[in-house]
C-alpha atoms as a PDB file:
ATOM      1  CA  MET A   1     -20.866 -32.650  -4.745  1.00  0.00           C
ATOM      2  CA  GLU A   2     -17.828 -34.757  -5.904  1.00  0.00           C
ATOM      3  CA  VAL A   3     -16.388 -36.060  -8.949  1.00  0.00           C
ATOM      4  CA  GLN A   4     -14.052 -38.841  -9.838  1.00  0.00           C
ATOM      5  CA  THR A   5     -10.708 -37.667 -11.189  1.00  0.00           C
ATOM      6  CA  ALA A   6      -7.317 -39.395 -12.176  1.00  0.00           C
ATOM      7  CA  HIS A   7      -6.465 -38.313  -8.723  1.00  0.00           C
ATOM      8  CA  GLY A   8      -9.349 -39.318  -6.880  1.00  0.00           C
ATOM      9  CA  ARG A   9     -12.703 -37.862  -5.856  1.00  0.00           C
ATOM     10  CA  LYS A  10     -12.663 -33.794  -5.608  1.00  0.00           C
ATOM     11  CA  LYS A  11     -15.075 -32.039  -4.012  1.00  0.00           C
ATOM     12  CA  LEU A  12     -16.878 -28.945  -5.843  1.00  0.00           C
ATOM     13  CA  PRO A  13     -18.763 -26.043  -4.807  1.00  0.00           C
ATOM     14  CA  GLU A  14     -22.514 -26.513  -4.079  1.00  0.00           C
ATOM     15  CA  GLU A  15     -23.400 -24.073  -6.115  1.00  0.00           C
ATOM     16  CA  LEU A  16     -22.813 -25.975  -9.042  1.00  0.00           C
ATOM     17  CA  LYS A  17     -25.415 -28.962  -8.087  1.00  0.00           C
ATOM     18  CA  GLY A  18     -27.878 -28.851 -11.090  1.00  0.00           C
ATOM     19  CA  LYS A  19     -25.795 -26.826 -13.401  1.00  0.00           C
ATOM     20  CA  TRP A  20     -23.639 -27.516 -16.542  1.00  0.00           C
ATOM     21  CA  PHE A  21     -20.179 -27.382 -16.466  1.00  0.00           C
ATOM     22  CA  VAL A  22     -16.870 -28.457 -18.170  1.00  0.00           C
ATOM     23  CA  LEU A  23     -14.145 -29.334 -15.565  1.00  0.00           C
ATOM     24  CA  PHE A  24     -10.865 -29.718 -17.274  1.00  0.00           C
ATOM     25  CA  SER A  25      -7.200 -30.147 -16.166  1.00  0.00           C
ATOM     26  CA  HIS A  26      -3.583 -30.128 -17.252  1.00  0.00           C
ATOM     27  CA  PRO A  27      -0.939 -32.463 -16.894  1.00  0.00           C
ATOM     28  CA  ALA A  28       1.813 -29.501 -16.324  1.00  0.00           C
ATOM     29  CA  ASP A  29       2.091 -25.901 -15.763  1.00  0.00           C
ATOM     30  CA  PHE A  30       3.393 -23.723 -18.808  1.00  0.00           C
ATOM     31  CA  THR A  31       3.456 -26.445 -21.537  1.00  0.00           C
ATOM     32  CA  PRO A  32       2.669 -25.491 -24.856  1.00  0.00           C
ATOM     33  CA  VAL A  33      -0.209 -27.809 -25.142  1.00  0.00           C
ATOM     34  CA  CYS A  34      -1.598 -26.932 -21.716  1.00  0.00           C
ATOM     35  CA  THR A  35      -1.427 -23.046 -22.385  1.00  0.00           C
ATOM     36  CA  THR A  36      -3.047 -23.553 -25.729  1.00  0.00           C
ATOM     37  CA  GLU A  37      -6.038 -25.294 -24.485  1.00  0.00           C
ATOM     38  CA  PHE A  38      -6.568 -22.705 -21.678  1.00  0.00           C
ATOM     39  CA  VAL A  39      -6.261 -19.904 -23.950  1.00  0.00           C
ATOM     40  CA  ALA A  40      -8.727 -21.685 -26.239  1.00  0.00           C
ATOM     41  CA  PHE A  41     -11.457 -21.902 -23.180  1.00  0.00           C
ATOM     42  CA  GLN A  42     -10.693 -18.510 -22.857  1.00  0.00           C
ATOM     43  CA  ARG A  43     -11.338 -17.084 -26.030  1.00  0.00           C
ATOM     44  CA  ARG A  44     -14.876 -19.019 -25.715  1.00  0.00           C
ATOM     45  CA  PHE A  45     -15.708 -17.808 -22.381  1.00  0.00           C
ATOM     46  CA  ASP A  46     -18.331 -15.698 -23.506  1.00  0.00           C
ATOM     47  CA  GLU A  47     -20.069 -18.515 -25.503  1.00  0.00           C
ATOM     48  CA  PHE A  48     -20.058 -20.562 -22.530  1.00  0.00           C
ATOM     49  CA  LYS A  49     -21.439 -18.037 -20.264  1.00  0.00           C
ATOM     50  CA  LYS A  50     -24.167 -17.871 -22.825  1.00  0.00           C
ATOM     51  CA  LEU A  51     -24.986 -21.404 -22.521  1.00  0.00           C
ATOM     52  CA  ASP A  52     -25.089 -20.942 -18.944  1.00  0.00           C
ATOM     53  CA  CYS A  53     -22.181 -23.321 -18.473  1.00  0.00           C
ATOM     54  CA  GLU A  54     -19.425 -22.676 -16.097  1.00  0.00           C
ATOM     55  CA  LEU A  55     -15.711 -23.479 -16.855  1.00  0.00           C
ATOM     56  CA  ILE A  56     -13.624 -25.153 -14.271  1.00  0.00           C
ATOM     57  CA  GLY A  57      -9.936 -25.238 -14.622  1.00  0.00           C
ATOM     58  CA  LEU A  58      -8.475 -28.201 -12.231  1.00  0.00           C
ATOM     59  CA  ASN A  59      -4.881 -28.166 -11.312  1.00  0.00           C
ATOM     60  CA  PRO A  60      -3.992 -31.918 -10.196  1.00  0.00           C
ATOM     61  CA  PHE A  61      -0.921 -30.703  -8.716  1.00  0.00           C
ATOM     62  CA  LYS A  62      -2.731 -28.214  -5.974  1.00  0.00           C
ATOM     63  CA  SER A  63      -4.871 -29.582  -3.079  1.00  0.00           C
END
């Protein structure tokens, strides 16, 4: 399965097919806003799990 991103198409693991997921990314490592957003996802991780929703963090600068 592939998704379109601002940096082109990215292949996702096949086990995500047919599942709910949130794909999120950040423009830079260790910046205040990005760190805050990642921590917010982490704090709500259990809520997403109860909804059977995977969280996928994407670093656009890594291949």
